[in-house]
Amino acid sequence: SGKTLLVNPGEIWGYLTGLSSIAILDTASQKVEFIELGRFKTFREIIKE
């Protein structure tokens, strides 16, 4: 108790990096699973089209 778990799941759209990812937290075990969803065009790539 008294501990903080900080989880950065990444970005769902991939707006900045082009990599879409999420994180799932099991609240019972405090274990985190990171899931990579795929590569998408970044915002910069979209506006250049």
C-alpha atoms as a PDB file:
ATOM      1  CA  SER A   1       0.000   0.000   0.000  1.00  0.00           C
ATOM      2  CA  GLY A   2       1.077   3.583  -0.587  1.00  0.00           C
ATOM      3  CA  LYS A   3       2.624   2.694  -3.950  1.00  0.00           C
ATOM      4  CA  THR A   4       1.636   4.292  -7.232  1.00  0.00           C
ATOM      5  CA  LEU A   5       1.578   2.424 -10.538  1.00  0.00           C
ATOM      6  CA  LEU A   6       2.032   4.736 -13.517  1.00  0.00           C
ATOM      7  CA  VAL A   7       1.160   3.202 -16.895  1.00  0.00           C
ATOM      8  CA  ASN A   8       1.673   4.978 -20.204  1.00  0.00           C
ATOM      9  CA  PRO A   9      -0.350   2.989 -22.757  1.00  0.00           C
ATOM     10  CA  GLY A  10       1.048   4.861 -25.736  1.00  0.00           C
ATOM     11  CA  GLU A  11      -1.348   6.333 -28.252  1.00  0.00           C
ATOM     12  CA  ILE A  12      -4.413   4.681 -29.755  1.00  0.00           C
ATOM     13  CA  TRP A  13      -4.372   6.594 -33.066  1.00  0.00           C
ATOM     14  CA  GLY A  14      -0.619   6.845 -33.517  1.00  0.00           C
ATOM     15  CA  TYR A  15      -0.932  10.600 -34.107  1.00  0.00           C
ATOM     16  CA  LEU A  16       2.669  11.385 -33.158  1.00  0.00           C
ATOM     17  CA  THR A  17       4.624   8.184 -33.704  1.00  0.00           C
ATOM     18  CA  GLY A  18       2.482   6.235 -36.172  1.00  0.00           C
ATOM     19  CA  LEU A  19       2.442   3.321 -33.732  1.00  0.00           C
ATOM     20  CA  SER A  20      -0.923   2.464 -32.203  1.00  0.00           C
ATOM     21  CA  SER A  21      -0.835   0.755 -28.808  1.00  0.00           C
ATOM     22  CA  ILE A  22      -2.848   0.144 -25.660  1.00  0.00           C
ATOM     23  CA  ALA A  23      -2.222  -1.219 -22.177  1.00  0.00           C
ATOM     24  CA  ILE A  24      -4.421  -3.523 -20.106  1.00  0.00           C
ATOM     25  CA  LEU A  25      -4.095  -3.450 -16.322  1.00  0.00           C
ATOM     26  CA  ASP A  26      -5.112  -6.457 -14.231  1.00  0.00           C
ATOM     27  CA  THR A  27      -6.168  -4.681 -11.039  1.00  0.00           C
ATOM     28  CA  ALA A  28      -5.998  -7.842  -8.937  1.00  0.00           C
ATOM     29  CA  SER A  29      -2.373  -8.666  -9.775  1.00  0.00           C
ATOM     30  CA  GLN A  30      -1.265  -5.134 -10.786  1.00  0.00           C
ATOM     31  CA  LYS A  31       0.259  -6.629 -13.951  1.00  0.00           C
ATOM     32  CA  VAL A  32       0.207  -4.639 -17.169  1.00  0.00           C
ATOM     33  CA  GLU A  33       0.023  -6.054 -20.688  1.00  0.00           C
ATOM     34  CA  PHE A  34       1.075  -3.764 -23.544  1.00  0.00           C
ATOM     35  CA  ILE A  35      -0.506  -4.491 -26.920  1.00  0.00           C
ATOM     36  CA  GLU A  36       0.757  -3.072 -30.197  1.00  0.00           C
ATOM     37  CA  LEU A  37      -2.146  -2.588 -32.607  1.00  0.00           C
ATOM     38  CA  GLY A  38      -0.207  -1.674 -35.728  1.00  0.00           C
ATOM     39  CA  ARG A  39       1.486   1.027 -37.751  1.00  0.00           C
ATOM     40  CA  PHE A  40      -0.549   3.890 -39.156  1.00  0.00           C
ATOM     41  CA  LYS A  41       0.245   7.146 -40.910  1.00  0.00           C
ATOM     42  CA  THR A  42       1.337   9.958 -38.613  1.00  0.00           C
ATOM     43  CA  PHE A  43      -0.407  13.314 -38.678  1.00  0.00           C
ATOM     44  CA  ARG A  44       2.525  14.764 -40.632  1.00  0.00           C
ATOM     45  CA  GLU A  45       2.233  12.017 -43.245  1.00  0.00           C
ATOM     46  CA  ILE A  46      -1.505  12.640 -43.607  1.00  0.00           C
ATOM     47  CA  ILE A  47      -1.217  16.404 -44.141  1.00  0.00           C
ATOM     48  CA  LYS A  48       1.549  15.929 -46.745  1.00  0.00           C
ATOM     49  CA  GLU A  49      -0.826  13.940 -48.978  1.00  0.00           C
END
